[in-house]
């Protein structure tokens, strides 16, 4: 009979375990649910996208720039001519001068092309009252480009790379910290579940002990010892209720914080991870290096000699419209040379052409000047400040690399300790399972009671929980490694 009961209990236990294993959710699945439901994670993503949009503005060219000049219109209703030396000259009745211009960068983003159209219209009245109309149309085009021959202060790419790294590092750090907090919440709930079972087992053990003492007549009801045992049982009942209340509150807070239903997860880990130092350091080291490079460039910009060569060309044509048509064309080219030491030289070539008399009127202009440059005391102070900033940034970079290498060594030590802790937990679980099997065999022989078997079962559950907590710690170490290696 006892054997049949034991077989039935065994089959029921196997069925329950099978059902639990089928429906159990893994830690990673539970974590993914929490991330999907969390408004905080959504905020991290929105902040990341918004920051990336801000950086992307650095890569957007201004493109074509239009400028429409609506012009100025003037009307003179009382224009009747003006007497000069006994004669009446022409008087302007109406004038209007609209125009527009357009400019856009070339493909190399260094040359700037421009074009435009200027117009003028004038309506006049003679002394005899005759109305005449004159106007001009002036289309024009030009190109301008500057060449940096000396030191070039351009930190756009460096600044952009630093900002992108900072954005991604911030996002990944927030996400990994969210995961770490989630794992800590799971550990807390799982430990509280064990505390409830521990309190329940203590209460059951005390009840069974009192009942056995009464049966064996080692304790009589109503005696002081009996009342003491009853009082102890009542205290354990209250402890169990408190543990259950704490667990209920913790589950409620968990579900409110992460927006998902709590399920006791299945915890498995393949192996303890490893870590090796990255050549050049992690993102914190790289950000410090970027800061040092920016500080160095700022110092070079303040102290280095700068030389620029500017080249521009223009083409314009003016067509006059009236009783007779007049026209002219101008072609010009300008060369400008500047140095930070004070030298400035300018050369200009203009070629004019009148279509009425078919005459050319070329001209060449050369100019130069020298203004000795001397740094003021305030500029010298600014240079010293920039030198200090550069030196400080270099030291910060070196310290960041040193701290990173120290952190890697500390993490390697933590991983080694965790490997030993897991082996100990596995050994404890194996021991508890063998004790449980032994107690179950004794129960079949009538050498122990069910309470002893239940105690052994709880000891196995507690050992399993300790191992699960170790595995959760490993998952946490994986996130900490990711944080360290960002």
Foldseek 3Di string as FASTA:
>chain_A
DLVVVVVVVVVVVVVVVVVCVVPFAAPVRVLVLLCVQAVVLVVLVVVLVVLVVVLCVLVDFPFKDKFWFQWDKDADPPFQFDDDPNAGAKTWGMKTKIKMKMKGADPVRFKIKMKMKIKMKTWIAGNVGDIWIKMKIKIKIKMKGKDWPWDDQDCSVLVSVLSNLVSVLVSLVVSLVVSLVLLVLLLVLLVLVLQLVVLVLVLVVLVVVLVVCVVVVVDDPPDPVSVVSVVVSVVSVVSNVVSVVVSVVSQVVSCVNRVDHDDNHDFDDDAQDADDADVQFASQLVSLVSQLVNLVSVLCVLPPKIKMKMKMKMKMKMWMDTPDIWIKIKIKIKIWIDIPQFKIKIKMWMWMATPVVRDIDIDIDIDIDGDGDDDDPVSVVVSVVSVVSSVVSVVSSVVNRVVLVVVNVVLNVVSVVLNVQLVVLVVQLVVLVVVLVVVVVCVSVVNDDVSSNVVSVSSNVVSVSSNSSSSSVSVSSVSVSVSSRD
